[in-house]
PDB file of N, CA and C in Angstrom:
ATOM      1  N   MET A   1       0.852  -1.169   0.000  1.00  0.00           N
ATOM      2  CA  MET A   1       0.000   0.000   0.000  1.00  0.00           C
ATOM      3  C   MET A   1       0.900   1.235   0.000  1.00  0.00           C
ATOM      4  N   LYS A   2       0.636   2.114  -0.945  1.00  0.00           N
ATOM      5  CA  LYS A   2       1.466   3.317  -1.023  1.00  0.00           C
ATOM      6  C   LYS A   2       0.925   4.401  -0.105  1.00  0.00           C
ATOM      7  N   LYS A   3       1.812   5.264   0.302  1.00  0.00           N
ATOM      8  CA  LYS A   3       1.459   6.370   1.176  1.00  0.00           C
ATOM      9  C   LYS A   3       0.806   7.480   0.352  1.00  0.00           C
ATOM     10  N   MET A   4      -0.241   8.103   0.915  1.00  0.00           N
ATOM     11  CA  MET A   4      -0.922   9.182   0.200  1.00  0.00           C
ATOM     12  C   MET A   4      -0.043  10.419   0.122  1.00  0.00           C
ATOM     13  N   ASP A   5      -0.104  11.090  -1.022  1.00  0.00           N
ATOM     14  CA  ASP A   5       0.592  12.366  -1.118  1.00  0.00           C
ATOM     15  C   ASP A   5      -0.332  13.463  -0.590  1.00  0.00           C
ATOM     16  N   GLU A   6       0.137  14.694  -0.587  1.00  0.00           N
ATOM     17  CA  GLU A   6      -0.623  15.794   0.017  1.00  0.00           C
ATOM     18  C   GLU A   6      -1.943  16.051  -0.694  1.00  0.00           C
ATOM     19  N   MET A   7      -1.970  15.929  -2.019  1.00  0.00           N
ATOM     20  CA  MET A   7      -3.209  16.177  -2.762  1.00  0.00           C
ATOM     21  C   MET A   7      -4.249  15.096  -2.455  1.00  0.00           C
ATOM     22  N   GLU A   8      -3.842  13.838  -2.442  1.00  0.00           N
ATOM     23  CA  GLU A   8      -4.775  12.752  -2.125  1.00  0.00           C
ATOM     24  C   GLU A   8      -5.295  12.881  -0.699  1.00  0.00           C
ATOM     25  N   LEU A   9      -4.417  13.257   0.219  1.00  0.00           N
ATOM     26  CA  LEU A   9      -4.827  13.455   1.603  1.00  0.00           C
ATOM     27  C   LEU A   9      -5.830  14.595   1.718  1.00  0.00           C
ATOM     28  N   SER A  10      -5.584  15.689   1.010  1.00  0.00           N
ATOM     29  CA  SER A  10      -6.502  16.821   1.024  1.00  0.00           C
ATOM     30  C   SER A  10      -7.865  16.431   0.456  1.00  0.00           C
ATOM     31  N   ILE A  11      -7.866  15.688  -0.657  1.00  0.00           N
ATOM     32  CA  ILE A  11      -9.131  15.246  -1.265  1.00  0.00           C
ATOM     33  C   ILE A  11      -9.880  14.322  -0.313  1.00  0.00           C
ATOM     34  N   THR A  12      -9.177  13.403   0.326  1.00  0.00           N
ATOM     35  CA  THR A  12      -9.810  12.479   1.264  1.00  0.00           C
ATOM     36  C   THR A  12     -10.398  13.227   2.453  1.00  0.00           C
ATOM     37  N   LEU A  13      -9.661  14.194   2.996  1.00  0.00           N
ATOM     38  CA  LEU A  13     -10.168  14.972   4.122  1.00  0.00           C
ATOM     39  C   LEU A  13     -11.394  15.792   3.733  1.00  0.00           C
ATOM     40  N   GLN A  14     -11.400  16.360   2.533  1.00  0.00           N
ATOM     41  CA  GLN A  14     -12.570  17.104   2.060  1.00  0.00           C
ATOM     42  C   GLN A  14     -13.775  16.185   1.918  1.00  0.00           C
ATOM     43  N   ALA A  15     -13.565  14.980   1.388  1.00  0.00           N
ATOM     44  CA  ALA A  15     -14.665  14.019   1.237  1.00  0.00           C
ATOM     45  C   ALA A  15     -15.216  13.611   2.600  1.00  0.00           C
ATOM     46  N   ILE A  16     -14.332  13.424   3.565  1.00  0.00           N
ATOM     47  CA  ILE A  16     -14.776  13.070   4.917  1.00  0.00           C
ATOM     48  C   ILE A  16     -15.587  14.216   5.518  1.00  0.00           C
ATOM     49  N   LYS A  17     -15.135  15.450   5.340  1.00  0.00           N
ATOM     50  CA  LYS A  17     -15.873  16.612   5.853  1.00  0.00           C
ATOM     51  C   LYS A  17     -17.261  16.706   5.226  1.00  0.00           C
ATOM     52  N   TRP A  18     -17.343  16.470   3.918  1.00  0.00           N
ATOM     53  CA  TRP A  18     -18.646  16.540   3.242  1.00  0.00           C
ATOM     54  C   TRP A  18     -19.568  15.435   3.741  1.00  0.00           C
ATOM     55  N   SER A  19     -19.067  14.230   3.870  1.00  0.00           N
ATOM     56  CA  SER A  19     -19.921  13.124   4.321  1.00  0.00           C
ATOM     57  C   SER A  19     -20.342  13.328   5.776  1.00  0.00           C
ATOM     58  N   TRP A  20     -19.454  13.874   6.612  1.00  0.00           N
ATOM     59  CA  TRP A  20     -19.796  14.145   8.000  1.00  0.00           C
ATOM     60  C   TRP A  20     -20.874  15.224   8.076  1.00  0.00           C
ATOM     61  N   SER A  21     -20.735  16.277   7.269  1.00  0.00           N
ATOM     62  CA  SER A  21     -21.739  17.341   7.240  1.00  0.00           C
ATOM     63  C   SER A  21     -23.091  16.814   6.759  1.00  0.00           C
ATOM     64  N   TYR A  22     -23.063  15.944   5.757  1.00  0.00           N
ATOM     65  CA  TYR A  22     -24.299  15.330   5.255  1.00  0.00           C
ATOM     66  C   TYR A  22     -24.979  14.521   6.363  1.00  0.00           C
ATOM     67  N   MET A  23     -24.203  13.725   7.084  1.00  0.00           N
ATOM     68  CA  MET A  23     -24.776  12.901   8.149  1.00  0.00           C
ATOM     69  C   MET A  23     -25.359  13.770   9.258  1.00  0.00           C
ATOM     70  N   ILE A  24     -24.684  14.851   9.606  1.00  0.00           N
ATOM     71  CA  ILE A  24     -25.197  15.767  10.631  1.00  0.00           C
ATOM     72  C   ILE A  24     -26.526  16.376  10.176  1.00  0.00           C
ATOM     73  N   LEU A  25     -26.594  16.800   8.922  1.00  0.00           N
ATOM     74  CA  LEU A  25     -27.815  17.394   8.389  1.00  0.00           C
ATOM     75  C   LEU A  25     -28.968  16.389   8.401  1.00  0.00           C
ATOM     76  N   ILE A  26     -28.718  15.177   7.933  1.00  0.00           N
ATOM     77  CA  ILE A  26     -29.772  14.155   7.890  1.00  0.00           C
ATOM     78  C   ILE A  26     -30.242  13.795   9.298  1.00  0.00           C
ATOM     79  N   LEU A  27     -29.312  13.616  10.225  1.00  0.00           N
ATOM     80  CA  LEU A  27     -29.705  13.303  11.603  1.00  0.00           C
ATOM     81  C   LEU A  27     -30.480  14.455  12.237  1.00  0.00           C
ATOM     82  N   ALA A  28     -30.091  15.681  11.951  1.00  0.00           N
ATOM     83  CA  ALA A  28     -30.817  16.834  12.499  1.00  0.00           C
ATOM     84  C   ALA A  28     -32.236  16.895  11.931  1.00  0.00           C
ATOM     85  N   LEU A  29     -32.375  16.678  10.626  1.00  0.00           N
ATOM     86  CA  LEU A  29     -33.715  16.669  10.026  1.00  0.00           C
ATOM     87  C   LEU A  29     -34.566  15.529  10.584  1.00  0.00           C
ATOM     88  N   TRP A  30     -33.969  14.362  10.732  1.00  0.00           N
ATOM     89  CA  TRP A  30     -34.681  13.211  11.292  1.00  0.00           C
ATOM     90  C   TRP A  30     -35.113  13.505  12.725  1.00  0.00           C
ATOM     91  N   MET A  31     -34.221  14.131  13.496  1.00  0.00           N
ATOM     92  CA  MET A  31     -34.526  14.484  14.872  1.00  0.00           C
ATOM     93  C   MET A  31     -35.707  15.451  14.930  1.00  0.00           C
ATOM     94  N   ILE A  32     -35.685  16.463  14.082  1.00  0.00           N
ATOM     95  CA  ILE A  32     -36.783  17.443  14.060  1.00  0.00           C
ATOM     96  C   ILE A  32     -38.087  16.769  13.643  1.00  0.00           C
ATOM     97  N   TYR A  33     -38.031  15.917  12.624  1.00  0.00           N
ATOM     98  CA  TYR A  33     -39.230  15.208  12.168  1.00  0.00           C
ATOM     99  C   TYR A  33     -39.811  14.338  13.277  1.00  0.00           C
ATOM    100  N   GLU A  34     -38.955  13.572  13.941  1.00  0.00           N
ATOM    101  CA  GLU A  34     -39.424  12.703  15.032  1.00  0.00           C
ATOM    102  C   GLU A  34     -40.021  13.524  16.165  1.00  0.00           C
ATOM    103  N   PHE A  35     -39.417  14.647  16.485  1.00  0.00           N
ATOM    104  CA  PHE A  35     -39.920  15.471  17.579  1.00  0.00           C
ATOM    105  C   PHE A  35     -41.273  16.065  17.227  1.00  0.00           C
ATOM    106  N   VAL A  36     -41.445  16.532  15.973  1.00  0.00           N
ATOM    107  CA  VAL A  36     -42.719  17.118  15.547  1.00  0.00           C
ATOM    108  C   VAL A  36     -43.811  16.056  15.492  1.00  0.00           C
ATOM    109  N   GLN A  37     -43.473  14.870  15.034  1.00  0.00           N
ATOM    110  CA  GLN A  37     -44.470  13.804  14.900  1.00  0.00           C
ATOM    111  C   GLN A  37     -44.907  13.234  16.240  1.00  0.00           C
ATOM    112  N   GLY A  38     -43.961  13.030  17.144  1.00  0.00           N
ATOM    113  CA  GLY A  38     -44.335  12.339  18.369  1.00  0.00           C
ATOM    114  C   GLY A  38     -43.970  13.035  19.648  1.00  0.00           C
ATOM    115  N   ASN A  39     -43.438  14.238  19.548  1.00  0.00           N
ATOM    116  CA  ASN A  39     -43.003  14.975  20.731  1.00  0.00           C
ATOM    117  C   ASN A  39     -42.099  14.136  21.627  1.00  0.00           C
ATOM    118  N   SER A  40     -41.205  13.392  21.025  1.00  0.00           N
ATOM    119  CA  SER A  40     -40.291  12.577  21.814  1.00  0.00           C
ATOM    120  C   SER A  40     -38.874  12.691  21.266  1.00  0.00           C
ATOM    121  N   ILE A  41     -37.936  12.325  22.099  1.00  0.00           N
ATOM    122  CA  ILE A  41     -36.533  12.321  21.702  1.00  0.00           C
ATOM    123  C   ILE A  41     -36.136  10.870  21.495  1.00  0.00           C
ATOM    124  N   ASN A  42     -35.697  10.543  20.287  1.00  0.00           N
ATOM    125  CA  ASN A  42     -35.406   9.162  19.952  1.00  0.00           C
ATOM    126  C   ASN A  42     -33.966   8.971  19.530  1.00  0.00           C
ATOM    127  N   ILE A  43     -33.726   7.937  18.771  1.00  0.00           N
ATOM    128  CA  ILE A  43     -32.393   7.541  18.336  1.00  0.00           C
ATOM    129  C   ILE A  43     -31.660   8.630  17.561  1.00  0.00           C
ATOM    130  N   PRO A  44     -32.295   9.419  16.688  1.00  0.00           N
ATOM    131  CA  PRO A  44     -31.514  10.438  15.969  1.00  0.00           C
ATOM    132  C   PRO A  44     -30.793  11.404  16.896  1.00  0.00           C
ATOM    133  N   VAL A  45     -31.419  11.758  17.997  1.00  0.00           N
ATOM    134  CA  VAL A  45     -30.790  12.683  18.940  1.00  0.00           C
ATOM    135  C   VAL A  45     -29.559  12.032  19.564  1.00  0.00           C
ATOM    136  N   LEU A  46     -29.717  10.776  19.977  1.00  0.00           N
ATOM    137  CA  LEU A  46     -28.587  10.079  20.582  1.00  0.00           C
ATOM    138  C   LEU A  46     -27.440   9.907  19.591  1.00  0.00           C
ATOM    139  N   LEU A  47     -27.772   9.581  18.342  1.00  0.00           N
ATOM    140  CA  LEU A  47     -26.739   9.434  17.323  1.00  0.00           C
ATOM    141  C   LEU A  47     -26.039  10.756  17.043  1.00  0.00           C
ATOM    142  N   LEU A  48     -26.813  11.806  16.907  1.00  0.00           N
ATOM    143  CA  LEU A  48     -26.257  13.121  16.600  1.00  0.00           C
ATOM    144  C   LEU A  48     -25.332  13.601  17.716  1.00  0.00           C
ATOM    145  N   VAL A  49     -25.803  13.520  18.929  1.00  0.00           N
ATOM    146  CA  VAL A  49     -25.019  14.009  20.064  1.00  0.00           C
ATOM    147  C   VAL A  49     -23.800  13.124  20.309  1.00  0.00           C
ATOM    148  N   SER A  50     -24.000  11.806  20.290  1.00  0.00           N
ATOM    149  CA  SER A  50     -22.872  10.917  20.581  1.00  0.00           C
ATOM    150  C   SER A  50     -21.809  10.987  19.484  1.00  0.00           C
ATOM    151  N   GLN A  51     -22.214  11.139  18.222  1.00  0.00           N
ATOM    152  CA  GLN A  51     -21.240  11.260  17.136  1.00  0.00           C
ATOM    153  C   GLN A  51     -20.382  12.508  17.322  1.00  0.00           C
ATOM    154  N   ASN A  52     -21.006  13.605  17.652  1.00  0.00           N
ATOM    155  CA  ASN A  52     -20.252  14.845  17.849  1.00  0.00           C
ATOM    156  C   ASN A  52     -19.371  14.783  19.088  1.00  0.00           C
ATOM    157  N   MET A  53     -19.846  14.120  20.131  1.00  0.00           N
ATOM    158  CA  MET A  53     -19.027  13.979  21.331  1.00  0.00           C
ATOM    159  C   MET A  53     -17.797  13.128  21.046  1.00  0.00           C
ATOM    160  N   VAL A  54     -17.965  12.034  20.323  1.00  0.00           N
ATOM    161  CA  VAL A  54     -16.817  11.193  19.964  1.00  0.00           C
ATOM    162  C   VAL A  54     -15.830  11.990  19.116  1.00  0.00           C
ATOM    163  N   PHE A  55     -16.338  12.763  18.171  1.00  0.00           N
ATOM    164  CA  PHE A  55     -15.468  13.586  17.313  1.00  0.00           C
ATOM    165  C   PHE A  55     -14.639  14.555  18.144  1.00  0.00           C
ATOM    166  N   PHE A  56     -15.282  15.305  19.018  1.00  0.00           N
ATOM    167  CA  PHE A  56     -14.563  16.312  19.777  1.00  0.00           C
ATOM    168  C   PHE A  56     -13.611  15.694  20.798  1.00  0.00           C
ATOM    169  N   ILE A  57     -13.991  14.578  21.413  1.00  0.00           N
ATOM    170  CA  ILE A  57     -13.093  13.909  22.352  1.00  0.00           C
ATOM    171  C   ILE A  57     -11.877  13.359  21.614  1.00  0.00           C
ATOM    172  N   ALA A  58     -12.098  12.729  20.457  1.00  0.00           N
ATOM    173  CA  ALA A  58     -10.976  12.208  19.666  1.00  0.00           C
ATOM    174  C   ALA A  58     -10.059  13.345  19.223  1.00  0.00           C
ATOM    175  N   GLN A  59     -10.643  14.465  18.859  1.00  0.00           N
ATOM    176  CA  GLN A  59      -9.845  15.621  18.451  1.00  0.00           C
ATOM    177  C   GLN A  59      -8.966  16.101  19.603  1.00  0.00           C
ATOM    178  N   GLN A  60      -9.505  16.120  20.816  1.00  0.00           N
ATOM    179  CA  GLN A  60      -8.729  16.568  21.967  1.00  0.00           C
ATOM    180  C   GLN A  60      -7.624  15.575  22.313  1.00  0.00           C
ATOM    181  N   ILE A  61      -7.910  14.281  22.194  1.00  0.00           N
ATOM    182  CA  ILE A  61      -6.885  13.261  22.456  1.00  0.00           C
ATOM    183  C   ILE A  61      -5.735  13.407  21.464  1.00  0.00           C
ATOM    184  N   LEU A  62      -6.072  13.576  20.190  1.00  0.00           N
ATOM    185  CA  LEU A  62      -5.033  13.726  19.173  1.00  0.00           C
ATOM    186  C   LEU A  62      -4.259  15.029  19.340  1.00  0.00           C
ATOM    187  N   THR A  63      -4.924  16.095  19.794  1.00  0.00           N
ATOM    188  CA  THR A  63      -4.248  17.363  20.073  1.00  0.00           C
ATOM    189  C   THR A  63      -3.262  17.187  21.222  1.00  0.00           C
ATOM    190  N   GLN A  64      -3.684  16.451  22.245  1.00  0.00           N
ATOM    191  CA  GLN A  64      -2.805  16.210  23.386  1.00  0.00           C
ATOM    192  C   GLN A  64      -1.601  15.375  22.961  1.00  0.00           C
ATOM    193  N   ARG A  65      -1.816  14.373  22.146  1.00  0.00           N
ATOM    194  CA  ARG A  65      -0.712  13.537  21.679  1.00  0.00           C
ATOM    195  C   ARG A  65       0.274  14.325  20.822  1.00  0.00           C
ATOM    196  N   ALA A  66      -0.217  15.367  20.144  1.00  0.00           N
ATOM    197  CA  ALA A  66       0.657  16.193  19.315  1.00  0.00           C
ATOM    198  C   ALA A  66       1.512  17.137  20.147  1.00  0.00           C
ATOM    199  N   GLY A  67       1.233  17.208  21.454  1.00  0.00           N
ATOM    200  CA  GLY A  67       2.061  18.012  22.333  1.00  0.00           C
ATOM    201  C   GLY A  67       1.442  19.310  22.794  1.00  0.00           C
ATOM    202  N   ASP A  68       0.176  19.555  22.466  1.00  0.00           N
ATOM    203  CA  ASP A  68      -0.486  20.780  22.899  1.00  0.00           C
ATOM    204  C   ASP A  68      -0.936  20.603  24.351  1.00  0.00           C
ATOM    205  N   ASP A  69      -0.515  21.509  25.219  1.00  0.00           N
ATOM    206  CA  ASP A  69      -0.845  21.402  26.647  1.00  0.00           C
ATOM    207  C   ASP A  69      -2.327  21.613  26.925  1.00  0.00           C
ATOM    208  N   ARG A  70      -3.000  22.376  26.081  1.00  0.00           N
ATOM    209  CA  ARG A  70      -4.430  22.614  26.289  1.00  0.00           C
ATOM    210  C   ARG A  70      -5.249  21.358  26.038  1.00  0.00           C
ATOM    211  N   GLY A  71      -4.688  20.390  25.333  1.00  0.00           N
ATOM    212  CA  GLY A  71      -5.412  19.169  25.001  1.00  0.00           C
ATOM    213  C   GLY A  71      -5.886  18.422  26.227  1.00  0.00           C
ATOM    214  N   ARG A  72      -5.052  18.349  27.253  1.00  0.00           N
ATOM    215  CA  ARG A  72      -5.427  17.612  28.469  1.00  0.00           C
ATOM    216  C   ARG A  72      -6.595  18.286  29.186  1.00  0.00           C
ATOM    217  N   THR A  73      -6.537  19.614  29.311  1.00  0.00           N
ATOM    218  CA  THR A  73      -7.619  20.351  29.964  1.00  0.00           C
ATOM    219  C   THR A  73      -8.920  20.206  29.186  1.00  0.00           C
ATOM    220  N   ASN A  74      -8.838  20.367  27.869  1.00  0.00           N
ATOM    221  CA  ASN A  74     -10.031  20.243  27.045  1.00  0.00           C
ATOM    222  C   ASN A  74     -10.582  18.824  27.070  1.00  0.00           C
ATOM    223  N   LEU A  75      -9.695  17.830  27.101  1.00  0.00           N
ATOM    224  CA  LEU A  75     -10.142  16.441  27.160  1.00  0.00           C
ATOM    225  C   LEU A  75     -10.904  16.176  28.446  1.00  0.00           C
ATOM    226  N   LEU A  76     -10.384  16.657  29.564  1.00  0.00           N
ATOM    227  CA  LEU A  76     -11.085  16.478  30.835  1.00  0.00           C
ATOM    228  C   LEU A  76     -12.429  17.191  30.821  1.00  0.00           C
ATOM    229  N   LEU A  77     -12.477  18.365  30.219  1.00  0.00           N
ATOM    230  CA  LEU A  77     -13.741  19.090  30.106  1.00  0.00           C
ATOM    231  C   LEU A  77     -14.751  18.305  29.273  1.00  0.00           C
ATOM    232  N   TRP A  78     -14.309  17.765  28.140  1.00  0.00           N
ATOM    233  CA  TRP A  78     -15.216  16.985  27.285  1.00  0.00           C
ATOM    234  C   TRP A  78     -15.662  15.701  27.968  1.00  0.00           C
ATOM    235  N   LEU A  79     -14.763  15.044  28.688  1.00  0.00           N
ATOM    236  CA  LEU A  79     -15.161  13.831  29.400  1.00  0.00           C
ATOM    237  C   LEU A  79     -16.182  14.146  30.493  1.00  0.00           C
ATOM    238  N   ALA A  80     -15.995  15.270  31.181  1.00  0.00           N
ATOM    239  CA  ALA A  80     -16.963  15.682  32.199  1.00  0.00           C
ATOM    240  C   ALA A  80     -18.318  15.978  31.554  1.00  0.00           C
ATOM    241  N   CYS A  81     -18.299  16.653  30.407  1.00  0.00           N
ATOM    242  CA  CYS A  81     -19.550  16.932  29.689  1.00  0.00           C
ATOM    243  C   CYS A  81     -20.225  15.639  29.242  1.00  0.00           C
ATOM    244  N   THR A  82     -19.436  14.664  28.841  1.00  0.00           N
ATOM    245  CA  THR A  82     -19.986  13.380  28.421  1.00  0.00           C
ATOM    246  C   THR A  82     -20.681  12.687  29.579  1.00  0.00           C
ATOM    247  N   VAL A  83     -20.037  12.662  30.724  1.00  0.00           N
ATOM    248  CA  VAL A  83     -20.635  12.032  31.898  1.00  0.00           C
ATOM    249  C   VAL A  83     -21.915  12.755  32.295  1.00  0.00           C
ATOM    250  N   ILE A  84     -21.896  14.073  32.286  1.00  0.00           N
ATOM    251  CA  ILE A  84     -23.091  14.852  32.627  1.00  0.00           C
ATOM    252  C   ILE A  84     -24.208  14.578  31.625  1.00  0.00           C
ATOM    253  N   PHE A  85     -23.875  14.536  30.326  1.00  0.00           N
ATOM    254  CA  PHE A  85     -24.873  14.250  29.298  1.00  0.00           C
ATOM    255  C   PHE A  85     -25.489  12.868  29.488  1.00  0.00           C
ATOM    256  N   LEU A  86     -24.659  11.878  29.743  1.00  0.00           N
ATOM    257  CA  LEU A  86     -25.180  10.522  29.928  1.00  0.00           C
ATOM    258  C   LEU A  86     -26.053  10.423  31.176  1.00  0.00           C
ATOM    259  N   ALA A  87     -25.635  11.087  32.251  1.00  0.00           N
ATOM    260  CA  ALA A  87     -26.434  11.071  33.473  1.00  0.00           C
ATOM    261  C   ALA A  87     -27.764  11.787  33.257  1.00  0.00           C
ATOM    262  N   ALA A  88     -27.739  12.937  32.587  1.00  0.00           N
ATOM    263  CA  ALA A  88     -28.980  13.670  32.309  1.00  0.00           C
ATOM    264  C   ALA A  88     -29.891  12.859  31.395  1.00  0.00           C
ATOM    265  N   GLY A  89     -29.323  12.215  30.392  1.00  0.00           N
ATOM    266  CA  GLY A  89     -30.129  11.373  29.506  1.00  0.00           C
ATOM    267  C   GLY A  89     -30.758  10.209  30.244  1.00  0.00           C
ATOM    268  N   ALA A  90     -29.996   9.585  31.142  1.00  0.00           N
ATOM    269  CA  ALA A  90     -30.539   8.469  31.918  1.00  0.00           C
ATOM    270  C   ALA A  90     -31.673   8.938  32.823  1.00  0.00           C
ATOM    271  N   LEU A  91     -31.504  10.099  33.436  1.00  0.00           N
ATOM    272  CA  LEU A  91     -32.571  10.639  34.292  1.00  0.00           C
ATOM    273  C   LEU A  91     -33.822  10.977  33.486  1.00  0.00           C
ATOM    274  N   LEU A  92     -33.634  11.584  32.326  1.00  0.00           N
ATOM    275  CA  LEU A  92     -34.787  11.907  31.481  1.00  0.00           C
ATOM    276  C   LEU A  92     -35.520  10.641  31.045  1.00  0.00           C
ATOM    277  N   LEU A  93     -34.767   9.626  30.655  1.00  0.00           N
ATOM    278  CA  LEU A  93     -35.401   8.364  30.252  1.00  0.00           C
ATOM    279  C   LEU A  93     -36.108   7.713  31.422  1.00  0.00           C
ATOM    280  N   PHE A  94     -35.518   7.795  32.606  1.00  0.00           N
ATOM    281  CA  PHE A  94     -36.123   7.182  33.777  1.00  0.00           C
ATOM    282  C   PHE A  94     -37.426   7.861  34.171  1.00  0.00           C
ATOM    283  N   PHE A  95     -37.452   9.183  34.149  1.00  0.00           N
ATOM    284  CA  PHE A  95     -38.630   9.907  34.608  1.00  0.00           C
ATOM    285  C   PHE A  95     -39.690  10.146  33.534  1.00  0.00           C
ATOM    286  N   PHE A  96     -39.321  10.176  32.268  1.00  0.00           N
ATOM    287  CA  PHE A  96     -40.279  10.531  31.233  1.00  0.00           C
ATOM    288  C   PHE A  96     -40.599   9.416  30.254  1.00  0.00           C
ATOM    289  N   ARG A  97     -40.232   8.214  30.521  1.00  0.00           N
ATOM    290  CA  ARG A  97     -40.578   7.089  29.632  1.00  0.00           C
ATOM    291  C   ARG A  97     -41.880   6.495  30.024  1.00  0.00           C
TER     292      ARG A  97
END
């Protein structure tokens, strides 16, 4: 397997950005449709939020590995937000299901 050159890497990154943006748009539309139809929060919300949380946490981990000191602080902040989000989601499901 040959190593990608800068142009191939740039094209691949652009394609990934476009596909990620498409998925965010579709999940957001699905989330809005589900909420309007049934006044409930379903799988699209969980997918949308969890996908973005994984993206931002992975970005912070990779930033920290690259040697940026802010990466550790931001990673801890994102992990704390993740725990709070999961706890809030569990409470909402427990009380409103």
